[in-house]
C-alpha atoms as a PDB file:
ATOM      1  CA  MET A   1     157.068  48.063  79.822  1.00  0.00           C
ATOM      2  CA  LYS A   2     155.700  49.895  82.843  1.00  0.00           C
ATOM      3  CA  SER A   3     154.082  49.160  86.174  1.00  0.00           C
ATOM      4  CA  THR A   4     151.128  51.001  87.714  1.00  0.00           C
ATOM      5  CA  ALA A   5     151.988  54.535  88.835  1.00  0.00           C
ATOM      6  CA  ASN A   6     151.809  55.664  92.431  1.00  0.00           C
ATOM      7  CA  LYS A   7     151.704  59.360  93.286  1.00  0.00           C
ATOM      8  CA  ILE A   8     154.134  61.501  95.275  1.00  0.00           C
ATOM      9  CA  LYS A   9     152.822  64.793  96.617  1.00  0.00           C
ATOM     10  CA  LEU A  10     154.898  67.946  96.113  1.00  0.00           C
ATOM     11  CA  SER A  11     154.560  71.488  97.398  1.00  0.00           C
ATOM     12  CA  ASN A  12     151.368  73.401  96.581  1.00  0.00           C
ATOM     13  CA  ASP A  13     153.526  76.487  95.955  1.00  0.00           C
ATOM     14  CA  LEU A  14     154.857  75.294  92.587  1.00  0.00           C
ATOM     15  CA  LYS A  15     154.102  77.724  89.753  1.00  0.00           C
ATOM     16  CA  VAL A  16     154.833  75.641  86.626  1.00  0.00           C
ATOM     17  CA  LEU A  17     155.254  72.003  87.647  1.00  0.00           C
ATOM     18  CA  GLN A  18     152.316  69.865  88.725  1.00  0.00           C
ATOM     19  CA  ASN A  19     152.302  69.154  92.459  1.00  0.00           C
ATOM     20  CA  THR A  20     151.985  65.374  92.041  1.00  0.00           C
ATOM     21  CA  VAL A  21     154.710  63.098  90.634  1.00  0.00           C
ATOM     22  CA  LEU A  22     153.708  59.926  88.772  1.00  0.00           C
ATOM     23  CA  HIS A  23     155.960  57.247  90.296  1.00  0.00           C
ATOM     24  CA  PHE A  24     156.561  53.933  88.483  1.00  0.00           C
ATOM     25  CA  LYS A  25     158.530  51.000  89.833  1.00  0.00           C
ATOM     26  CA  THR A  26     159.591  50.018  86.298  1.00  0.00           C
ATOM     27  CA  ILE A  27     159.213  51.724  82.938  1.00  0.00           C
ATOM     28  CA  ASP A  28     161.002  51.509  79.605  1.00  0.00           C
ATOM     29  CA  SER A  29     161.803  55.229  79.521  1.00  0.00           C
ATOM     30  CA  THR A  30     160.311  58.188  81.386  1.00  0.00           C
ATOM     31  CA  ASN A  31     161.102  60.409  78.388  1.00  0.00           C
ATOM     32  CA  ARG A  32     159.348  58.068  75.983  1.00  0.00           C
ATOM     33  CA  PHE A  33     156.320  57.818  78.267  1.00  0.00           C
ATOM     34  CA  LEU A  34     155.835  61.594  78.264  1.00  0.00           C
ATOM     35  CA  LEU A  35     156.591  62.029  74.555  1.00  0.00           C
ATOM     36  CA  ASP A  36     153.927  59.452  73.708  1.00  0.00           C
ATOM     37  CA  ALA A  37     151.301  60.700  76.190  1.00  0.00           C
ATOM     38  CA  GLU A  38     148.477  62.785  74.723  1.00  0.00           C
ATOM     39  CA  ASP A  39     146.499  63.979  77.738  1.00  0.00           C
ATOM     40  CA  LEU A  40     148.967  65.027  80.433  1.00  0.00           C
ATOM     41  CA  LEU A  41     149.232  68.560  81.778  1.00  0.00           C
ATOM     42  CA  ASN A  42     152.139  70.933  81.297  1.00  0.00           C
ATOM     43  CA  GLY A  43     154.613  70.385  84.114  1.00  0.00           C
ATOM     44  CA  THR A  44     153.804  66.694  84.659  1.00  0.00           C
ATOM     45  CA  VAL A  45     156.708  64.837  86.295  1.00  0.00           C
ATOM     46  CA  VAL A  46     157.296  61.087  85.926  1.00  0.00           C
ATOM     47  CA  LEU A  47     159.729  59.179  88.166  1.00  0.00           C
ATOM     48  CA  ALA A  48     160.892  55.568  87.790  1.00  0.00           C
ATOM     49  CA  ASP A  49     162.822  53.326  90.179  1.00  0.00           C
ATOM     50  CA  ASP A  50     164.125  51.430  87.163  1.00  0.00           C
ATOM     51  CA  GLN A  51     164.297  52.049  83.392  1.00  0.00           C
ATOM     52  CA  THR A  52     164.729  49.245  80.882  1.00  0.00           C
ATOM     53  CA  ALA A  53     165.538  51.513  77.919  1.00  0.00           C
ATOM     54  CA  GLY A  54     166.986  54.707  79.403  1.00  0.00           C
ATOM     55  CA  ARG A  55     169.184  56.754  77.085  1.00  0.00           C
ATOM     56  CA  GLY A  56     171.612  59.638  77.290  1.00  0.00           C
ATOM     57  CA  ARG A  57     173.195  61.866  74.651  1.00  0.00           C
ATOM     58  CA  PHE A  58     174.193  60.256  71.328  1.00  0.00           C
ATOM     59  CA  ASN A  59     171.776  57.396  72.168  1.00  0.00           C
ATOM     60  CA  ARG A  60     174.132  56.060  74.835  1.00  0.00           C
ATOM     61  CA  THR A  61     172.609  53.629  77.319  1.00  0.00           C
ATOM     62  CA  TRP A  62     171.987  55.124  80.767  1.00  0.00           C
ATOM     63  CA  GLN A  63     173.179  52.565  83.299  1.00  0.00           C
ATOM     64  CA  SER A  64     171.758  52.300  86.800  1.00  0.00           C
ATOM     65  CA  LEU A  65     170.582  49.810  89.396  1.00  0.00           C
ATOM     66  CA  PRO A  66     166.925  49.702  90.529  1.00  0.00           C
ATOM     67  CA  GLU A  67     165.993  52.089  93.345  1.00  0.00           C
ATOM     68  CA  THR A  68     169.430  53.734  93.526  1.00  0.00           C
ATOM     69  CA  ALA A  69     169.162  56.718  91.152  1.00  0.00           C
ATOM     70  CA  LEU A  70     166.609  59.417  90.502  1.00  0.00           C
ATOM     71  CA  LEU A  71     165.339  58.754  86.965  1.00  0.00           C
ATOM     72  CA  PHE A  72     162.694  61.307  86.081  1.00  0.00           C
ATOM     73  CA  SER A  73     161.313  63.430  83.270  1.00  0.00           C
ATOM     74  CA  ILE A  74     159.376  66.680  83.027  1.00  0.00           C
ATOM     75  CA  LEU A  75     156.778  67.438  80.366  1.00  0.00           C
ATOM     76  CA  LEU A  76     156.625  70.943  78.913  1.00  0.00           C
ATOM     77  CA  ASN A  77     153.882  71.634  76.380  1.00  0.00           C
ATOM     78  CA  ASN A  78     153.723  75.354  77.085  1.00  0.00           C
ATOM     79  CA  LEU A  79     157.050  76.500  75.661  1.00  0.00           C
ATOM     80  CA  PHE A  80     156.473  80.251  75.981  1.00  0.00           C
ATOM     81  CA  GLY A  81     156.880  80.668  72.199  1.00  0.00           C
ATOM     82  CA  ARG A  82     160.404  79.225  72.085  1.00  0.00           C
ATOM     83  CA  LYS A  83     161.598  77.175  69.108  1.00  0.00           C
ATOM     84  CA  MET A  84     164.931  75.857  70.387  1.00  0.00           C
ATOM     85  CA  PRO A  85     165.215  73.427  73.296  1.00  0.00           C
ATOM     86  CA  SER A  86     168.827  74.162  74.281  1.00  0.00           C
ATOM     87  CA  VAL A  87     167.951  76.586  77.083  1.00  0.00           C
ATOM     88  CA  TYR A  88     166.015  73.833  78.854  1.00  0.00           C
ATOM     89  CA  THR A  89     169.171  71.701  79.088  1.00  0.00           C
ATOM     90  CA  PHE A  90     170.972  74.519  80.882  1.00  0.00           C
ATOM     91  CA  LEU A  91     167.923  75.290  83.003  1.00  0.00           C
ATOM     92  CA  ALA A  92     167.680  71.674  84.159  1.00  0.00           C
ATOM     93  CA  ALA A  93     171.399  71.554  84.955  1.00  0.00           C
ATOM     94  CA  VAL A  94     171.138  74.688  87.100  1.00  0.00           C
ATOM     95  CA  GLY A  95     168.044  73.238  88.774  1.00  0.00           C
ATOM     96  CA  VAL A  96     169.839  70.019  89.709  1.00  0.00           C
ATOM     97  CA  TYR A  97     172.858  72.035  90.862  1.00  0.00           C
ATOM     98  CA  ARG A  98     170.711  74.211  93.119  1.00  0.00           C
ATOM     99  CA  GLY A  99     168.649  71.294  94.371  1.00  0.00           C
ATOM    100  CA  LEU A 100     171.832  69.492  95.367  1.00  0.00           C
ATOM    101  CA  GLN A 101     173.149  72.639  97.022  1.00  0.00           C
ATOM    102  CA  ALA A 102     170.024  72.592  99.175  1.00  0.00           C
ATOM    103  CA  SER A 103     170.589  68.916 100.022  1.00  0.00           C
ATOM    104  CA  LEU A 104     174.368  68.667 100.531  1.00  0.00           C
ATOM    105  CA  PRO A 105     176.643  70.135 103.201  1.00  0.00           C
ATOM    106  CA  SER A 106     177.813  73.694 102.616  1.00  0.00           C
ATOM    107  CA  GLY A 107     180.988  73.868 100.546  1.00  0.00           C
ATOM    108  CA  SER A 108     180.358  70.690  98.529  1.00  0.00           C
ATOM    109  CA  ASN A 109     182.320  70.688  95.269  1.00  0.00           C
ATOM    110  CA  LEU A 110     179.502  70.951  92.728  1.00  0.00           C
ATOM    111  CA  SER A 111     179.940  72.297  89.206  1.00  0.00           C
ATOM    112  CA  LEU A 112     178.409  72.150  85.728  1.00  0.00           C
ATOM    113  CA  LYS A 113     179.992  70.746  82.581  1.00  0.00           C
ATOM    114  CA  TRP A 114     178.936  71.707  79.050  1.00  0.00           C
ATOM    115  CA  PRO A 115     176.489  70.890  77.759  1.00  0.00           C
ATOM    116  CA  ASN A 116     174.426  68.665  80.032  1.00  0.00           C
ATOM    117  CA  ASP A 117     176.319  67.258  83.041  1.00  0.00           C
ATOM    118  CA  VAL A 118     176.407  68.039  86.758  1.00  0.00           C
ATOM    119  CA  LEU A 119     179.636  67.162  88.558  1.00  0.00           C
ATOM    120  CA  LEU A 120     180.433  66.385  92.179  1.00  0.00           C
ATOM    121  CA  ASN A 121     184.130  66.422  93.066  1.00  0.00           C
ATOM    122  CA  GLU A 122     184.768  66.741  89.300  1.00  0.00           C
ATOM    123  CA  LYS A 123     182.999  63.434  88.564  1.00  0.00           C
ATOM    124  CA  LYS A 124     179.683  63.096  86.737  1.00  0.00           C
ATOM    125  CA  ILE A 125     176.732  62.690  89.055  1.00  0.00           C
ATOM    126  CA  CYS A 126     173.920  63.725  86.719  1.00  0.00           C
ATOM    127  CA  GLY A 127     173.113  63.767  83.018  1.00  0.00           C
ATOM    128  CA  ILE A 128     170.280  65.500  81.168  1.00  0.00           C
ATOM    129  CA  LEU A 129     168.575  64.656  77.885  1.00  0.00           C
ATOM    130  CA  VAL A 130     166.016  67.019  76.329  1.00  0.00           C
ATOM    131  CA  GLN A 131     163.841  65.561  73.578  1.00  0.00           C
ATOM    132  CA  GLY A 132     160.998  67.103  71.621  1.00  0.00           C
ATOM    133  CA  LYS A 133     158.012  66.393  69.448  1.00  0.00           C
ATOM    134  CA  ILE A 134     157.801  68.626  66.379  1.00  0.00           C
ATOM    135  CA  THR A 135     154.605  69.554  64.562  1.00  0.00           C
ATOM    136  CA  THR A 136     154.621  71.837  61.479  1.00  0.00           C
ATOM    137  CA  GLY A 137     158.183  72.920  62.125  1.00  0.00           C
ATOM    138  CA  ARG A 138     157.669  73.878  65.791  1.00  0.00           C
ATOM    139  CA  TYR A 139     158.130  72.050  69.051  1.00  0.00           C
ATOM    140  CA  GLU A 140     154.737  70.866  70.219  1.00  0.00           C
ATOM    141  CA  LYS A 141     156.233  69.580  73.462  1.00  0.00           C
ATOM    142  CA  LEU A 142     159.571  69.062  75.145  1.00  0.00           C
ATOM    143  CA  VAL A 143     160.566  66.477  77.707  1.00  0.00           C
ATOM    144  CA  ILE A 144     163.481  67.051  80.080  1.00  0.00           C
ATOM    145  CA  GLY A 145     164.978  63.722  81.159  1.00  0.00           C
ATOM    146  CA  ILE A 146     167.237  63.694  84.216  1.00  0.00           C
ATOM    147  CA  GLY A 147     169.330  60.872  85.636  1.00  0.00           C
ATOM    148  CA  LEU A 148     170.839  61.677  89.039  1.00  0.00           C
ATOM    149  CA  ASN A 149     173.065  59.147  90.798  1.00  0.00           C
ATOM    150  CA  VAL A 150     172.128  58.895  94.463  1.00  0.00           C
ATOM    151  CA  ASN A 151     172.711  55.562  96.217  1.00  0.00           C
ATOM    152  CA  GLN A 152     174.914  53.512  93.888  1.00  0.00           C
ATOM    153  CA  GLN A 153     177.959  52.201  95.743  1.00  0.00           C
ATOM    154  CA  GLN A 154     181.560  52.930  94.709  1.00  0.00           C
ATOM    155  CA  GLN A 155     182.045  49.491  93.122  1.00  0.00           C
ATOM    156  CA  PHE A 156     179.313  50.281  90.583  1.00  0.00           C
ATOM    157  CA  PHE A 157     181.512  52.908  88.917  1.00  0.00           C
ATOM    158  CA  VAL A 158     183.989  50.830  86.914  1.00  0.00           C
ATOM    159  CA  GLU A 159     185.068  50.622  83.268  1.00  0.00           C
ATOM    160  CA  ASP A 160     182.879  53.025  81.227  1.00  0.00           C
ATOM    161  CA  LEU A 161     181.558  54.576  84.457  1.00  0.00           C
ATOM    162  CA  LYS A 162     184.936  55.265  86.093  1.00  0.00           C
ATOM    163  CA  HIS A 163     184.511  59.036  85.693  1.00  0.00           C
ATOM    164  CA  ALA A 164     181.061  59.018  87.329  1.00  0.00           C
ATOM    165  CA  THR A 165     179.952  58.951  90.953  1.00  0.00           C
ATOM    166  CA  SER A 166     176.952  59.116  93.271  1.00  0.00           C
ATOM    167  CA  LEU A 167     176.061  60.861  96.503  1.00  0.00           C
ATOM    168  CA  ALA A 168     176.543  57.602  98.411  1.00  0.00           C
ATOM    169  CA  ALA A 169     179.904  56.860  96.777  1.00  0.00           C
ATOM    170  CA  GLU A 170     181.209  60.295  97.749  1.00  0.00           C
ATOM    171  CA  SER A 171     179.740  60.465 101.257  1.00  0.00           C
ATOM    172  CA  GLY A 172     179.789  56.849 102.401  1.00  0.00           C
ATOM    173  CA  TYR A 173     176.117  56.720 103.376  1.00  0.00           C
ATOM    174  CA  GLU A 174     172.682  56.443 101.746  1.00  0.00           C
ATOM    175  CA  TRP A 175     170.459  59.402 100.943  1.00  0.00           C
ATOM    176  CA  ASP A 176     166.717  60.074 100.874  1.00  0.00           C
ATOM    177  CA  ARG A 177     166.051  59.995  97.145  1.00  0.00           C
ATOM    178  CA  ILE A 178     162.589  61.553  97.354  1.00  0.00           C
ATOM    179  CA  GLY A 179     163.831  64.386  99.554  1.00  0.00           C
ATOM    180  CA  ILE A 180     166.471  65.226  96.965  1.00  0.00           C
ATOM    181  CA  LEU A 181     163.914  64.970  94.167  1.00  0.00           C
ATOM    182  CA  LYS A 182     161.694  67.506  95.907  1.00  0.00           C
ATOM    183  CA  ASN A 183     164.576  69.963  96.332  1.00  0.00           C
ATOM    184  CA  VAL A 184     165.542  69.622  92.660  1.00  0.00           C
ATOM    185  CA  LEU A 185     161.971  70.089  91.427  1.00  0.00           C
ATOM    186  CA  ILE A 186     161.473  73.182  93.599  1.00  0.00           C
ATOM    187  CA  ALA A 187     164.606  74.671  92.011  1.00  0.00           C
ATOM    188  CA  ILE A 188     163.556  73.728  88.464  1.00  0.00           C
ATOM    189  CA  ASP A 189     160.073  75.160  89.016  1.00  0.00           C
ATOM    190  CA  HIS A 190     161.591  78.469  90.132  1.00  0.00           C
ATOM    191  CA  LEU A 191     163.828  78.542  87.048  1.00  0.00           C
ATOM    192  CA  LEU A 192     160.952  77.758  84.682  1.00  0.00           C
ATOM    193  CA  ASN A 193     159.077  80.676  86.183  1.00  0.00           C
ATOM    194  CA  THR A 194     162.178  82.872  85.741  1.00  0.00           C
ATOM    195  CA  LEU A 195     162.411  81.781  82.097  1.00  0.00           C
ATOM    196  CA  GLN A 196     158.780  82.665  81.511  1.00  0.00           C
ATOM    197  CA  GLU A 197     159.083  86.086  83.138  1.00  0.00           C
ATOM    198  CA  SER A 198     162.619  87.156  82.195  1.00  0.00           C
ATOM    199  CA  GLY A 199     163.731  85.115  79.183  1.00  0.00           C
ATOM    200  CA  ASP A 200     166.838  83.046  78.470  1.00  0.00           C
ATOM    201  CA  ARG A 201     169.617  85.369  79.620  1.00  0.00           C
ATOM    202  CA  PRO A 202     169.287  84.863  83.398  1.00  0.00           C
ATOM    203  CA  ILE A 203     169.384  81.087  82.858  1.00  0.00           C
ATOM    204  CA  ILE A 204     172.525  81.281  80.710  1.00  0.00           C
ATOM    205  CA  ARG A 205     174.162  83.591  83.267  1.00  0.00           C
ATOM    206  CA  MET A 206     173.355  81.222  86.160  1.00  0.00           C
ATOM    207  CA  TRP A 207     174.753  78.279  84.209  1.00  0.00           C
ATOM    208  CA  GLN A 208     178.004  80.144  83.500  1.00  0.00           C
ATOM    209  CA  ASP A 209     178.351  81.094  87.170  1.00  0.00           C
ATOM    210  CA  ALA A 210     178.179  77.406  88.139  1.00  0.00           C
ATOM    211  CA  CYS A 211     180.386  76.061  85.326  1.00  0.00           C
ATOM    212  CA  GLY A 212     183.763  74.869  86.537  1.00  0.00           C
ATOM    213  CA  SER A 213     185.612  75.014  83.215  1.00  0.00           C
ATOM    214  CA  ILE A 214     185.067  78.528  81.811  1.00  0.00           C
ATOM    215  CA  GLY A 215     188.452  80.187  81.510  1.00  0.00           C
ATOM    216  CA  ARG A 216     190.261  76.845  81.586  1.00  0.00           C
ATOM    217  CA  GLU A 217     192.099  74.889  78.893  1.00  0.00           C
ATOM    218  CA  ILE A 218     189.810  72.252  77.430  1.00  0.00           C
ATOM    219  CA  ALA A 219     189.646  69.781  74.577  1.00  0.00           C
ATOM    220  CA  ILE A 220     186.413  69.278  72.669  1.00  0.00           C
ATOM    221  CA  ASP A 221     185.785  66.256  70.469  1.00  0.00           C
ATOM    222  CA  ASP A 222     183.072  66.973  67.895  1.00  0.00           C
ATOM    223  CA  GLY A 223     183.168  63.423  66.523  1.00  0.00           C
ATOM    224  CA  LYS A 224     185.439  64.352  63.645  1.00  0.00           C
ATOM    225  CA  GLU A 225     188.311  66.253  65.224  1.00  0.00           C
ATOM    226  CA  ILE A 226     189.628  67.231  68.647  1.00  0.00           C
ATOM    227  CA  TYR A 227     190.083  70.961  69.241  1.00  0.00           C
ATOM    228  CA  ARG A 228     192.063  72.500  72.107  1.00  0.00           C
ATOM    229  CA  GLY A 229     191.723  75.987  73.507  1.00  0.00           C
ATOM    230  CA  VAL A 230     190.254  78.059  76.329  1.00  0.00           C
ATOM    231  CA  PHE A 231     186.545  77.807  77.174  1.00  0.00           C
ATOM    232  CA  ASP A 232     185.731  81.479  76.672  1.00  0.00           C
ATOM    233  CA  SER A 233     181.994  81.683  77.400  1.00  0.00           C
ATOM    234  CA  LEU A 234     178.532  80.420  76.547  1.00  0.00           C
ATOM    235  CA  ALA A 235     176.718  81.974  73.587  1.00  0.00           C
ATOM    236  CA  GLU A 236     173.138  83.156  74.107  1.00  0.00           C
ATOM    237  CA  ASP A 237     171.878  80.104  72.201  1.00  0.00           C
ATOM    238  CA  GLY A 238     173.927  77.719  74.336  1.00  0.00           C
ATOM    239  CA  GLY A 239     176.903  77.243  72.027  1.00  0.00           C
ATOM    240  CA  LEU A 240     180.368  76.844  73.514  1.00  0.00           C
ATOM    241  CA  ARG A 241     182.814  79.582  72.531  1.00  0.00           C
ATOM    242  CA  LEU A 242     186.318  78.124  72.345  1.00  0.00           C
ATOM    243  CA  LYS A 243     189.244  80.521  72.083  1.00  0.00           C
ATOM    244  CA  ILE A 244     191.923  79.029  69.856  1.00  0.00           C
ATOM    245  CA  GLY A 245     194.802  81.477  69.690  1.00  0.00           C
ATOM    246  CA  SER A 246     193.199  84.820  68.856  1.00  0.00           C
ATOM    247  CA  LYS A 247     190.057  83.367  67.276  1.00  0.00           C
ATOM    248  CA  LEU A 248     186.756  82.140  68.692  1.00  0.00           C
ATOM    249  CA  ARG A 249     185.150  78.960  67.388  1.00  0.00           C
ATOM    250  CA  LEU A 250     181.554  78.037  68.225  1.00  0.00           C
ATOM    251  CA  PHE A 251     180.459  74.472  69.070  1.00  0.00           C
ATOM    252  CA  TYR A 252     176.959  73.084  69.564  1.00  0.00           C
ATOM    253  CA  ALA A 253     177.851  69.449  70.228  1.00  0.00           C
ATOM    254  CA  GLY A 254     180.848  67.503  71.455  1.00  0.00           C
ATOM    255  CA  ASP A 255     182.532  65.905  74.442  1.00  0.00           C
ATOM    256  CA  VAL A 256     184.528  68.270  76.638  1.00  0.00           C
ATOM    257  CA  THR A 257     187.613  67.322  78.644  1.00  0.00           C
ATOM    258  CA  VAL A 258     189.287  69.766  81.010  1.00  0.00           C
ATOM    259  CA  LEU A 259     193.055  69.618  80.429  1.00  0.00           C
ATOM    260  CA  LYS A 260     195.429  69.304  83.361  1.00  0.00           C
ATOM    261  CA  GLU A 261     196.832  72.630  84.450  1.00  0.00           C
END
């Protein structure tokens, strides 16, 4: 289900992203729309005011109210020869982090949580889902889906959402969603250009610099067992290195909880 798309103009200085956003009032899923599309350019961005079938990691439903969040996806069909999509999750997280830094007052308590969350005041404000289409064993295209909570009120964040927040819930006033979107996309465009020119390592380093839990005691639930240790670092392929006693264990999926110090 989707409505007719309007267009939002972006900066002409973008190097990777297209300078026009396709803006739908309602759509089933911005990720699904781009995965199914056959004739859109690399760097196409789709934004929706409301999604009827939005999803997060582990196929969890992404909950939002119409016209309160930024629900958007980015199409990448020029992957610079890369086979694994994990770096794009970290790239998008850093992009949202930097876009929010440009939008929020100086000193705001922003941080990143492995593998795909952005936190404000240690509560989740953004989630990222990267999906791909594979042809003959290689990714033909990737889609970066981003859900950023902007104008939901505090009472929205109850029950399963009690550890989440929005800009409005934290500040007490409403924000210009499109202004924030533009700041985030400028940051992501810069990072995509950095990835193309300099490879994965600068992206991984920037993510680690913004992560609030490296060096802290954490628990990670991989769906089968809960492990406790110190978040040592991020591997070059995006894995989480957990120090358990004198040994390092590598994780590629799981839910992380920072333990009280």
